[in-house]
Amino acid sequence: MNKNLWKNNKNSKLYEVLNYNILNCTNEQDGQIMYLYRVFSEEVLDSEGNEKLFVRSEDEFKTKFTKYSL
């Protein structure tokens, strides 16, 4: 399976983009494209044992991350 991997420019960790077709529906950012992603190759869990997922706007994501190939 081909993963959609990106490298964080600040901490060099790898992240997997799970979905990049999410729309922000808050009033000020209505229609803004968002990226949903998670840490790759390790589970980051919250206090209840659920995997933490992250979201950023497309522009911010592409500024802070670089496409990565294994």
Protein backbone atom coordinates (compact mmCIF):
# COMPACT_ATOMS: atom_id res chain seq x y z
CA MET A 1 0.00 0.00 0.00
CA ASN A 2 1.37 3.40 -0.98
CA LYS A 3 1.36 5.83 1.95
CA ASN A 4 0.98 9.58 1.55
CA LEU A 5 3.98 10.56 3.71
CA TRP A 6 5.23 14.01 4.60
CA LYS A 7 8.21 15.10 6.68
CA ASN A 8 7.81 17.84 9.28
CA ASN A 9 10.31 20.59 8.45
CA LYS A 10 10.83 21.46 12.14
CA ASN A 11 11.13 18.09 13.94
CA SER A 12 11.86 15.78 10.94
CA LYS A 13 9.17 13.28 12.01
CA LEU A 14 7.15 11.51 9.34
CA TYR A 15 3.41 12.00 9.14
CA GLU A 16 0.80 10.20 7.06
CA VAL A 17 -1.93 12.24 5.40
CA LEU A 18 -5.21 10.36 5.80
CA ASN A 19 -7.42 12.78 3.88
CA TYR A 20 -6.80 16.07 2.08
CA ASN A 21 -10.30 16.81 0.87
CA ILE A 22 -11.82 18.06 4.13
CA LEU A 23 -13.68 21.37 4.10
CA ASN A 24 -13.51 23.79 7.01
CA CYS A 25 -17.06 24.98 7.68
CA THR A 26 -16.44 27.60 10.36
CA ASN A 27 -17.71 31.03 9.38
CA GLU A 28 -14.38 32.79 8.79
CA GLN A 29 -12.76 29.86 6.94
CA ASP A 30 -15.79 28.38 5.20
CA GLY A 31 -14.68 26.24 2.26
CA GLN A 32 -10.99 26.19 3.25
CA ILE A 33 -9.28 22.89 2.35
CA MET A 34 -7.90 21.00 5.37
CA TYR A 35 -5.44 18.11 5.70
CA LEU A 36 -6.11 15.31 8.22
CA TYR A 37 -2.94 13.51 9.29
CA ARG A 38 -1.29 11.36 11.96
CA VAL A 39 2.19 10.49 13.14
CA PHE A 40 3.58 7.71 10.94
CA SER A 41 5.02 4.46 12.38
CA GLU A 42 4.11 5.15 15.99
CA GLU A 43 0.85 5.59 17.80
CA VAL A 44 0.28 8.86 19.60
CA LEU A 45 -2.58 8.33 22.02
CA ASP A 46 -4.71 10.67 24.09
CA SER A 47 -5.48 10.08 27.78
CA GLU A 48 -8.33 7.69 26.84
CA GLY A 49 -6.18 5.53 24.55
CA ASN A 50 -7.51 6.92 21.26
CA GLU A 51 -5.11 7.71 18.43
CA LYS A 52 -4.51 11.45 18.07
CA LEU A 53 -5.25 12.89 14.64
CA PHE A 54 -4.26 16.36 13.51
CA VAL A 55 -5.70 18.88 11.05
CA ARG A 56 -4.18 21.92 9.34
CA SER A 57 -5.19 24.16 6.50
CA GLU A 58 -3.73 23.14 3.14
CA ASP A 59 -1.54 26.25 2.88
CA GLU A 60 -0.15 25.90 6.40
CA PHE A 61 0.43 22.16 5.95
CA LYS A 62 2.39 22.62 2.72
CA THR A 63 4.52 25.31 4.38
CA LYS A 64 5.41 23.16 7.41
CA PHE A 65 5.79 19.76 5.68
CA THR A 66 7.70 18.37 2.69
CA LYS A 67 6.50 15.41 0.59
CA TYR A 68 8.50 12.28 1.47
CA SER A 69 9.09 9.02 -0.43
CA LEU A 70 10.25 5.76 1.18
